[in-house]
Amino acid sequence: MSIEESQKPKLSIMEFARETRREISKVTWPTRKETAVTTALIVLMALIASVFFFGVDSLLGFVISRILGMSS
């Protein structure tokens, strides 16, 4: 054990619980509406990204198959 560790004050379990509860009370939690809007935007962006990457993959697959002479 280093000197720095031995000089740190030891916290009891109860003091740790009180400090944790105090810190949690300082958190600004989002409202139900903010959570719903954020979730909807994330799902929308995931759908847009999936359509984009599907299109790019399809296009590149078509171009590469034409280059290699494997027309479908």
C-alpha atoms as a PDB file:
ATOM      1  CA  MET A   1       0.000   0.000   0.000  1.00  0.00           C
ATOM      2  CA  SER A   2       1.427   3.349  -0.962  1.00  0.00           C
ATOM      3  CA  ILE A   3       1.566   6.392   1.295  1.00  0.00           C
ATOM      4  CA  GLU A   4      -1.091   8.166  -0.793  1.00  0.00           C
ATOM      5  CA  GLU A   5      -3.545   5.307  -0.375  1.00  0.00           C
ATOM      6  CA  SER A   6      -3.075   5.197   3.389  1.00  0.00           C
ATOM      7  CA  GLN A   7      -3.785   8.937   3.696  1.00  0.00           C
ATOM      8  CA  LYS A   8      -7.112   8.753   1.837  1.00  0.00           C
ATOM      9  CA  PRO A   9     -10.089   8.851   4.190  1.00  0.00           C
ATOM     10  CA  LYS A  10     -11.939   5.551   4.383  1.00  0.00           C
ATOM     11  CA  LEU A  11     -15.671   5.736   3.695  1.00  0.00           C
ATOM     12  CA  SER A  12     -18.191   3.468   5.310  1.00  0.00           C
ATOM     13  CA  ILE A  13     -20.830   1.713   3.261  1.00  0.00           C
ATOM     14  CA  MET A  14     -23.521   3.997   4.666  1.00  0.00           C
ATOM     15  CA  GLU A  15     -21.555   7.152   3.830  1.00  0.00           C
ATOM     16  CA  PHE A  16     -20.962   5.825   0.317  1.00  0.00           C
ATOM     17  CA  ALA A  17     -24.716   5.162  -0.079  1.00  0.00           C
ATOM     18  CA  ARG A  18     -25.567   8.690   1.155  1.00  0.00           C
ATOM     19  CA  GLU A  19     -23.085  10.302  -1.240  1.00  0.00           C
ATOM     20  CA  THR A  20     -24.316   8.174  -4.127  1.00  0.00           C
ATOM     21  CA  ARG A  21     -27.932   9.139  -3.413  1.00  0.00           C
ATOM     22  CA  ARG A  22     -26.903  12.816  -3.191  1.00  0.00           C
ATOM     23  CA  GLU A  23     -25.149  12.655  -6.570  1.00  0.00           C
ATOM     24  CA  ILE A  24     -28.066  10.830  -8.221  1.00  0.00           C
ATOM     25  CA  SER A  25     -30.425  13.565  -7.010  1.00  0.00           C
ATOM     26  CA  LYS A  26     -28.332  16.101  -8.970  1.00  0.00           C
ATOM     27  CA  VAL A  27     -28.901  14.287 -12.278  1.00  0.00           C
ATOM     28  CA  THR A  28     -31.317  15.936 -14.697  1.00  0.00           C
ATOM     29  CA  TRP A  29     -33.422  13.077 -16.001  1.00  0.00           C
ATOM     30  CA  PRO A  30     -35.120  13.404 -19.419  1.00  0.00           C
ATOM     31  CA  THR A  31     -38.888  13.639 -19.617  1.00  0.00           C
ATOM     32  CA  ARG A  32     -40.980  10.896 -21.170  1.00  0.00           C
ATOM     33  CA  LYS A  33     -41.491  13.086 -24.266  1.00  0.00           C
ATOM     34  CA  GLU A  34     -37.736  13.753 -24.655  1.00  0.00           C
ATOM     35  CA  THR A  35     -37.032  10.029 -24.365  1.00  0.00           C
ATOM     36  CA  ALA A  36     -39.690   9.171 -26.965  1.00  0.00           C
ATOM     37  CA  VAL A  37     -38.468  11.825 -29.432  1.00  0.00           C
ATOM     38  CA  THR A  38     -34.841  10.790 -29.034  1.00  0.00           C
ATOM     39  CA  THR A  39     -35.712   7.112 -29.486  1.00  0.00           C
ATOM     40  CA  ALA A  40     -37.757   7.867 -32.614  1.00  0.00           C
ATOM     41  CA  LEU A  41     -34.899   9.889 -34.106  1.00  0.00           C
ATOM     42  CA  ILE A  42     -32.405   7.097 -33.434  1.00  0.00           C
ATOM     43  CA  VAL A  43     -34.680   4.505 -35.063  1.00  0.00           C
ATOM     44  CA  LEU A  44     -35.239   6.824 -38.052  1.00  0.00           C
ATOM     45  CA  MET A  45     -31.512   7.429 -38.509  1.00  0.00           C
ATOM     46  CA  ALA A  46     -30.826   3.676 -38.257  1.00  0.00           C
ATOM     47  CA  LEU A  47     -33.436   3.020 -40.978  1.00  0.00           C
ATOM     48  CA  ILE A  48     -31.990   5.727 -43.229  1.00  0.00           C
ATOM     49  CA  ALA A  49     -28.468   4.360 -42.746  1.00  0.00           C
ATOM     50  CA  SER A  50     -29.605   0.793 -43.473  1.00  0.00           C
ATOM     51  CA  VAL A  51     -31.351   1.846 -46.711  1.00  0.00           C
ATOM     52  CA  PHE A  52     -28.269   3.843 -47.752  1.00  0.00           C
ATOM     53  CA  PHE A  53     -25.844   0.983 -47.104  1.00  0.00           C
ATOM     54  CA  PHE A  54     -28.177  -1.523 -48.798  1.00  0.00           C
ATOM     55  CA  GLY A  55     -28.217   0.715 -51.887  1.00  0.00           C
ATOM     56  CA  VAL A  56     -24.426   1.166 -51.898  1.00  0.00           C
ATOM     57  CA  ASP A  57     -23.897  -2.574 -51.409  1.00  0.00           C
ATOM     58  CA  SER A  58     -26.308  -3.425 -54.217  1.00  0.00           C
ATOM     59  CA  LEU A  59     -24.709  -0.904 -56.570  1.00  0.00           C
ATOM     60  CA  LEU A  60     -21.169  -2.075 -55.823  1.00  0.00           C
ATOM     61  CA  GLY A  61     -22.231  -5.718 -56.185  1.00  0.00           C
ATOM     62  CA  PHE A  62     -23.775  -4.956 -59.582  1.00  0.00           C
ATOM     63  CA  VAL A  63     -20.714  -2.995 -60.789  1.00  0.00           C
ATOM     64  CA  ILE A  64     -18.243  -5.651 -59.631  1.00  0.00           C
ATOM     65  CA  SER A  65     -20.260  -8.464 -61.183  1.00  0.00           C
ATOM     66  CA  ARG A  66     -20.285  -6.541 -64.504  1.00  0.00           C
ATOM     67  CA  ILE A  67     -16.513  -5.941 -64.308  1.00  0.00           C
ATOM     68  CA  LEU A  68     -15.841  -9.616 -63.626  1.00  0.00           C
ATOM     69  CA  GLY A  69     -18.279 -10.690 -66.351  1.00  0.00           C
ATOM     70  CA  MET A  70     -20.702 -12.472 -64.029  1.00  0.00           C
ATOM     71  CA  SER A  71     -23.864 -10.790 -65.280  1.00  0.00           C
ATOM     72  CA  SER A  72     -26.952 -11.877 -63.433  1.00  0.00           C
END
